[in-house]
Structures are given as structure tokens and as C-alpha cells.
Amino acid sequence: MAGLFENPVWEDEVYQLEQTDPVLGGPPDLAQAKGFTNEPHRALANRTAWLKAEVAALAASSVTQADIDATAAILSGDITTLEGNIPSIIRNEMHFSATVDPDEANPTEVEGGTFNTVVAAVEAAPAGSFAQIKLLADKTYVMDTNIRQNNVATQLVKEGGGANPILDVRAVATATFNSLVGFTQNGLSSLETVDVDIQLPAALPDPSLPLSSSDSLLRYSPGGEISLTMQRGTITGGALFGLCSAHAGTIAKLSLFNVTLDGTIYGVTSAANGVSLVCPYTTTLLNGATLTEGGVIGTNVLQS
């Protein structure tokens, strides 16, 4: 007795015998009306042969213990390399350093390199990092664009001998208001200056227009916090501009060490509209400078 011929292919369906099909054995060939009863068996036998071939192929390619050992050795080496790189990875991700030189013809604009503007250097720092931005002595840095600190602790620090670098902060006038260009902080951002002088505008760009609530170096953060620390520097200016603002419920933190405020400027503007923490130490106020605009000490102003 001959067996069915098996072809190792996957059959999409198994033939269902109908009541009108004649009961005929032999090799199935529906086109020739032969072997009707063996047609379902043929389809199932083909499927079984296909499955057997697939299982045999998998068995032939099975991973051996030697393969496992070789892969484990590679992974072990990769892990050892990663462990060695972790300090540098953390240093690069959590500490960002850059030097700003407005006269550099070919700034690299990468971590540890050079930038032409303060805004480009500050905004290049990754979120969550400490960014040390070095400003060269004897140079002036024009700040005519708002700077966004994306959850970054930024330090502007003097680099080299000579006079303090000057951050020349500009004001702009729209159709309705005068505004000061400034830093916008979010998350846990903070700003610190070390041996850097700040030059605020001496007058409004358009004296016929009022000064908007964007009137300080650090913009207010509605319902949030802003932080400014200054060590050894002179802030000059006028037109009632300020260093930071407590507008719209902002908690404004201002710490001054060996700093001089010279001109009709404020340490904190709109102090009555939020909470101000002011810590001046050996701070000198000249020519109309005031630590806070409004506010009441002990109510919404805490001052050392």
C-alpha cells in the first residue's frame, strides 16, 4: 500500500469533504475528480512536512554553549568599558564648560569649546547640568536677545587677568512698552556671576512709553522661583531697571557679595507682587540704587 506524497509547503486551508463528493481513494486530484477522500490528508501531511523542516532548521542553528560563552565574554568587556566611561559620561552630561569670545572667527560651539555670544553658550548646556561660562577679561558682551535657562545652573565667570568683563544688557521698545532683555529660568535654574560687571541701560529706549513688567535681568516666573547670586561686581544703569523681579507671585532670591549697585536701579522689582529673599553682604548702593522696589520687610520681603 502506497503512502501519500508529502510536499513540505504550508497549505492555506484543508479541504472539507462535501456530501456530494464521491468516496474515492487513491492519489488526490480534485481537477480530475480523483481521490477526494485523501485530499484533506494530503493538505495535513504537507503542513506536517513543512513544520518538520522548520524544526530541523532551527535545531541545526541552535545556539551552543560555546556561542553563549563567547557572547558573555563580549558583553563582559563592554560592561567593563562602560564602567570606565561612566565618570566621563557624568562629567560631560552634568558639567558644561564654554568660553565666550565675541572676536573668535571660528567658534567650535561645543562643550569645552568657544562661542561668540553668551546666549549661544548658555542655551547649549544640557538640561540638568552645571554650566560654567567663561567671559574673557577686558571684553564687553552685548546681550540683545533673551536667554532661556532650561533647568541649568549657570555661572558666568571672569577668565584671565585684567578688568572685569562687562555684560551689556540692552532694552527694546515695542509699540506699547519698553522692556529689558533678560534671562528666563525654568525648573531648578539659577544664575551666578563671579567678577562680572553688569551694565543696564541708563535710559528707556522710548521715553514716551511705560516700562513693562519685563524690567529686570532675571525675568519673573509666575508662581515659580528665580535665583541670582553675584560675587564681586558692579551693576550700573538707570531708568528703574532691576536685577530680578518678584512680579506675578514669583519667589525671587537675590544674593550679593561685595557688589556695588550704581544708579537708579533695583535689586528686586515688583517686590510687593511676590516674595523676595534679599541677602546683601558688603553691598554698596550709589546714586539712587535700591535693593527692592516696594514690598514690606517681614511681610513679602526677607532681607538680611
Protein backbone atom coordinates (compact mmCIF):
# COMPACT_ATOMS: atom_id res chain seq x y z
CA MET A 1 0.00 0.00 0.00
CA ALA A 2 1.50 3.32 -1.12
CA GLY A 3 1.62 6.37 1.14
CA LEU A 4 0.60 9.89 0.26
CA PHE A 5 3.23 12.04 -1.45
CA GLU A 6 4.29 14.77 1.01
CA ASN A 7 5.40 18.20 -0.18
CA PRO A 8 6.86 20.40 2.64
CA VAL A 9 4.74 23.51 1.96
CA TRP A 10 2.27 25.33 4.13
CA GLU A 11 -1.29 24.75 2.90
CA ASP A 12 -3.53 27.77 3.50
CA GLU A 13 -6.60 25.58 4.02
CA VAL A 14 -7.65 21.96 4.47
CA TYR A 15 -10.25 20.69 2.02
CA GLN A 16 -13.66 19.92 3.52
CA LEU A 17 -15.39 16.87 2.11
CA GLU A 18 -18.84 17.72 0.81
CA GLN A 19 -21.86 15.41 0.92
CA THR A 20 -21.86 15.33 -2.86
CA ASP A 21 -18.21 14.24 -3.14
CA PRO A 22 -17.77 10.64 -4.24
CA VAL A 23 -15.92 8.37 -1.83
CA LEU A 24 -12.82 7.72 -3.90
CA GLY A 25 -9.35 6.76 -2.71
CA GLY A 26 -6.00 6.93 -4.42
CA PRO A 27 -3.78 9.92 -5.15
CA PRO A 28 -5.85 13.10 -4.69
CA ASP A 29 -6.52 15.18 -7.80
CA LEU A 30 -9.67 17.25 -7.48
CA ALA A 31 -9.32 18.64 -11.01
CA GLN A 32 -9.59 15.09 -12.31
CA ALA A 33 -12.28 14.13 -9.75
CA LYS A 34 -9.95 11.57 -8.19
CA GLY A 35 -9.02 10.73 -4.62
CA PHE A 36 -11.48 13.04 -2.90
CA THR A 37 -11.19 11.32 0.49
CA ASN A 38 -7.40 11.74 0.55
CA GLU A 39 -7.37 15.49 -0.26
CA PRO A 40 -7.68 16.67 3.40
CA HIS A 41 -4.99 14.16 4.41
CA ARG A 42 -2.69 15.49 1.68
CA ALA A 43 -3.01 19.07 2.97
CA LEU A 44 -2.35 17.99 6.56
CA ALA A 45 0.62 15.84 5.50
CA ASN A 46 2.13 18.81 3.62
CA ARG A 47 1.72 21.04 6.66
CA THR A 48 3.36 18.42 8.88
CA ALA A 49 6.29 18.05 6.48
CA TRP A 50 6.73 21.86 6.42
CA LEU A 51 6.71 22.05 10.22
CA LYS A 52 9.24 19.19 10.43
CA ALA A 53 11.58 21.02 8.06
CA GLU A 54 11.29 24.25 10.07
CA VAL A 55 12.04 22.46 13.35
CA ALA A 56 15.05 20.74 11.77
CA ALA A 57 16.37 24.07 10.52
CA LEU A 58 16.02 25.59 13.98
CA ALA A 59 17.77 22.64 15.58
CA ALA A 60 20.63 22.93 13.12
CA SER A 61 21.09 26.60 14.01
CA SER A 62 20.67 26.20 17.78
CA VAL A 63 22.98 28.25 19.99
CA THR A 64 25.69 26.15 21.57
CA GLN A 65 27.31 26.64 24.97
CA ALA A 66 30.39 27.88 23.16
CA ASP A 67 28.28 30.55 21.48
CA ILE A 68 26.86 31.60 24.84
CA ASP A 69 30.34 31.78 26.40
CA ALA A 70 31.66 33.89 23.52
CA THR A 71 28.76 36.33 23.73
CA ALA A 72 29.14 36.57 27.52
CA ALA A 73 32.83 37.44 27.10
CA ILE A 74 31.97 40.24 24.66
CA LEU A 75 29.30 41.64 26.97
CA SER A 76 31.65 41.48 29.93
CA GLY A 77 34.20 43.52 28.02
CA ASP A 78 31.54 46.05 27.02
CA ILE A 79 30.40 46.41 30.64
CA THR A 80 33.98 46.93 31.82
CA THR A 81 34.47 49.62 29.17
CA LEU A 82 31.19 51.29 30.15
CA GLU A 83 32.19 51.30 33.82
CA GLY A 84 35.39 53.08 32.88
CA ASN A 85 33.49 55.64 30.83
CA ILE A 86 30.80 56.42 33.41
CA PRO A 87 32.81 59.19 35.16
CA SER A 88 33.45 60.97 31.87
CA ILE A 89 29.83 60.48 30.80
CA ILE A 90 28.58 62.03 34.05
CA ARG A 91 31.14 64.83 33.81
CA ASN A 92 30.13 65.70 30.25
CA GLU A 93 26.41 65.49 30.90
CA MET A 94 26.35 67.18 34.31
CA HIS A 95 29.13 69.74 33.83
CA PHE A 96 29.18 72.01 30.80
CA SER A 97 32.03 74.42 30.20
CA ALA A 98 32.50 77.01 27.47
CA THR A 99 34.45 80.18 26.74
CA VAL A 100 32.70 83.11 25.09
CA ASP A 101 34.85 85.27 22.82
CA PRO A 102 32.96 87.71 20.58
CA ASP A 103 36.08 88.10 18.43
CA GLU A 104 36.67 84.40 17.76
CA ALA A 105 36.48 83.88 13.98
CA ASN A 106 35.82 80.14 14.14
CA PRO A 107 33.92 79.23 17.32
CA THR A 108 33.64 75.48 17.90
CA GLU A 109 30.25 75.77 19.65
CA VAL A 110 30.73 72.51 21.54
CA GLU A 111 31.21 71.63 25.20
CA GLY A 112 34.65 72.78 26.30
CA GLY A 113 34.98 74.99 23.23
CA THR A 114 34.31 78.57 22.22
CA PHE A 115 31.18 80.55 21.42
CA ASN A 116 30.67 84.08 20.11
CA THR A 117 27.71 85.02 22.31
CA VAL A 118 26.54 84.41 25.85
CA VAL A 119 23.10 83.31 24.65
CA ALA A 120 24.59 80.61 22.39
CA ALA A 121 26.81 79.25 25.17
CA VAL A 122 24.13 79.24 27.88
CA GLU A 123 21.47 77.64 25.71
CA ALA A 124 23.89 74.93 24.51
CA ALA A 125 24.14 73.49 28.04
CA PRO A 126 22.05 70.31 28.51
CA ALA A 127 19.14 70.32 30.95
CA GLY A 128 20.13 69.37 34.48
CA SER A 129 23.74 70.45 34.12
CA PHE A 130 26.01 72.97 35.82
CA ALA A 131 27.22 75.31 33.09
CA GLN A 132 30.37 77.37 33.67
CA ILE A 133 30.51 80.09 31.03
CA LYS A 134 33.86 81.90 30.96
CA LEU A 135 33.88 85.56 29.91
CA LEU A 136 37.24 86.99 28.95
CA ALA A 137 38.67 89.88 30.95
CA ASP A 138 38.64 93.34 29.37
CA LYS A 139 35.84 92.41 26.95
CA THR A 140 32.25 93.61 26.60
CA TYR A 141 29.46 91.19 25.79
CA VAL A 142 26.33 92.65 24.26
CA MET A 143 23.16 90.91 25.40
CA ASP A 144 20.40 91.91 22.99
CA THR A 145 18.49 88.61 22.95
CA ASN A 146 16.55 86.91 25.72
CA ILE A 147 18.34 83.87 27.17
CA ARG A 148 16.46 80.75 28.27
CA GLN A 149 17.91 78.60 31.06
CA ASN A 150 16.42 75.14 30.68
CA ASN A 151 16.83 73.68 34.16
CA VAL A 152 20.50 74.68 34.20
CA ALA A 153 22.63 76.20 36.96
CA THR A 154 24.63 78.80 35.02
CA GLN A 155 27.77 80.53 36.25
CA LEU A 156 29.20 83.48 34.33
CA VAL A 157 32.80 83.82 35.48
CA LYS A 158 35.73 86.04 34.57
CA GLU A 159 38.56 84.33 32.70
CA GLY A 160 42.07 85.80 32.72
CA GLY A 161 43.71 88.86 34.26
CA GLY A 162 42.52 92.38 33.65
CA ALA A 163 39.32 94.34 34.14
CA ASN A 164 36.05 92.55 34.77
CA PRO A 165 34.17 91.53 31.62
CA ILE A 166 31.04 93.61 31.07
CA LEU A 167 27.63 92.16 30.25
CA ASP A 168 25.98 94.98 28.30
CA VAL A 169 22.24 94.31 28.65
CA ARG A 170 20.02 96.06 26.13
CA ALA A 171 16.42 97.30 26.29
CA VAL A 172 13.90 97.33 23.46
CA ALA A 173 10.75 99.31 22.71
CA THR A 174 7.60 97.93 21.10
CA ALA A 175 4.54 99.88 20.04
CA THR A 176 3.30 99.92 23.64
CA PHE A 177 6.12 99.24 26.11
CA ASN A 178 9.79 99.42 26.94
CA SER A 179 11.27 96.08 28.04
CA LEU A 180 14.64 94.82 29.21
CA VAL A 181 16.26 91.82 27.56
CA GLY A 182 16.76 89.15 30.21
CA PHE A 183 17.20 85.59 31.40
CA THR A 184 14.18 83.31 31.65
CA GLN A 185 14.56 80.50 34.18
CA ASN A 186 12.58 77.28 34.49
CA GLY A 187 12.87 74.22 36.70
CA LEU A 188 15.82 74.42 39.07
CA SER A 189 17.70 77.03 37.05
CA SER A 190 19.91 79.60 38.73
CA LEU A 191 22.33 82.30 37.64
CA GLU A 192 25.61 83.25 39.32
CA THR A 193 28.10 85.89 38.24
CA VAL A 194 31.67 85.99 39.54
CA ASP A 195 33.84 89.04 38.83
CA VAL A 196 31.48 90.18 36.08
CA ASP A 197 30.10 93.73 35.74
CA ILE A 198 26.54 94.30 34.55
CA GLN A 199 25.66 97.35 32.51
CA LEU A 200 21.91 98.03 32.43
CA PRO A 201 20.54 100.78 30.16
CA ALA A 202 20.79 104.29 31.54
CA ALA A 203 17.53 105.36 29.88
CA LEU A 204 14.42 103.93 28.26
CA PRO A 205 14.64 103.30 24.51
CA ASP A 206 11.37 105.24 24.06
CA PRO A 207 10.80 107.71 26.93
CA SER A 208 7.22 108.26 25.76
CA LEU A 209 6.28 104.66 26.59
CA PRO A 210 5.94 103.00 30.01
CA LEU A 211 8.22 100.25 31.30
CA SER A 212 6.70 96.77 31.11
CA SER A 213 6.87 94.09 33.82
CA SER A 214 9.80 92.62 31.87
CA ASP A 215 12.06 95.12 33.58
CA SER A 216 14.84 93.02 35.09
CA LEU A 217 17.88 90.94 34.17
CA LEU A 218 16.07 87.86 35.52
CA ARG A 219 12.52 87.73 34.19
CA TYR A 220 9.75 86.96 36.64
CA SER A 221 8.37 83.40 36.71
CA PRO A 222 4.62 83.39 37.51
CA GLY A 223 4.14 81.22 40.60
CA GLY A 224 7.72 79.97 40.31
CA GLU A 225 11.21 80.75 41.58
CA ILE A 226 14.17 82.63 40.20
CA SER A 227 17.67 82.81 41.68
CA LEU A 228 20.54 85.26 41.18
CA THR A 229 23.87 85.26 43.02
CA MET A 230 26.51 87.90 42.34
CA GLN A 231 30.07 87.96 43.66
CA ARG A 232 32.37 90.92 43.22
CA GLY A 233 30.98 93.11 40.50
CA THR A 234 29.46 96.48 39.71
CA ILE A 235 25.97 96.97 38.30
CA THR A 236 25.33 100.30 36.62
CA GLY A 237 22.29 101.74 34.93
CA GLY A 238 19.14 103.75 35.40
CA ALA A 239 15.53 104.03 34.24
CA LEU A 240 14.40 101.89 37.19
CA PHE A 241 15.54 98.60 35.70
CA GLY A 242 16.38 95.77 38.09
CA LEU A 243 18.35 92.59 38.63
CA CYS A 244 15.38 90.30 39.23
CA SER A 245 11.61 90.56 39.53
CA ALA A 246 9.04 89.23 42.01
CA HIS A 247 6.13 90.03 39.70
CA ALA A 248 3.15 87.66 39.40
CA GLY A 249 3.80 85.69 42.58
CA THR A 250 7.44 84.96 41.85
CA ILE A 251 9.78 83.91 44.65
CA ALA A 252 12.85 85.99 43.83
CA LYS A 253 16.14 85.08 45.51
CA LEU A 254 18.95 87.64 45.29
CA SER A 255 22.33 87.15 46.97
CA LEU A 256 25.00 89.87 46.71
CA PHE A 257 28.58 89.62 47.93
CA ASN A 258 30.93 92.59 47.59
CA VAL A 259 28.73 94.11 44.88
CA THR A 260 28.05 97.76 44.00
CA LEU A 261 24.74 98.96 42.57
CA ASP A 262 25.23 102.35 40.95
CA GLY A 263 22.31 104.36 39.53
CA THR A 264 18.53 104.39 39.70
CA ILE A 265 18.19 100.61 39.61
CA TYR A 266 16.68 97.98 41.89
CA GLY A 267 17.88 94.69 43.25
CA VAL A 268 14.33 93.31 43.04
CA THR A 269 11.50 94.94 41.09
CA SER A 270 7.78 94.47 41.86
CA ALA A 271 8.64 93.18 45.34
CA ALA A 272 5.07 93.73 46.52
CA ASN A 273 3.73 91.23 43.96
CA GLY A 274 5.61 88.18 45.22
CA VAL A 275 8.15 87.11 47.80
CA SER A 276 11.72 88.42 47.83
CA LEU A 277 14.70 86.93 49.64
CA VAL A 278 17.47 89.53 49.58
CA CYS A 279 20.89 88.77 51.07
CA PRO A 280 23.32 91.70 50.61
CA TYR A 281 26.78 91.38 52.16
CA THR A 282 29.25 94.26 51.85
CA THR A 283 26.93 95.69 49.21
CA THR A 284 27.24 99.35 48.22
CA LEU A 285 24.27 101.39 46.93
CA LEU A 286 25.14 104.55 44.97
CA ASN A 287 23.25 107.30 43.13
CA GLY A 288 19.72 106.19 43.91
CA ALA A 289 20.16 102.41 43.83
CA THR A 290 17.67 100.48 46.00
CA LEU A 291 17.54 96.84 47.00
CA THR A 292 13.78 96.41 46.48
CA GLU A 293 11.04 98.23 44.64
CA GLY A 294 8.14 98.23 47.10
CA GLY A 295 7.34 95.35 49.38
CA VAL A 296 7.39 95.25 53.16
CA ILE A 297 10.20 93.66 55.12
CA GLY A 298 8.76 90.88 57.23
CA THR A 299 5.66 90.56 55.02
CA ASN A 300 6.78 89.77 51.48
CA VAL A 301 10.45 90.75 51.75
CA LEU A 302 13.04 88.89 53.80
CA GLN A 303 16.26 90.86 53.91
CA SER A 304 19.41 90.19 55.87
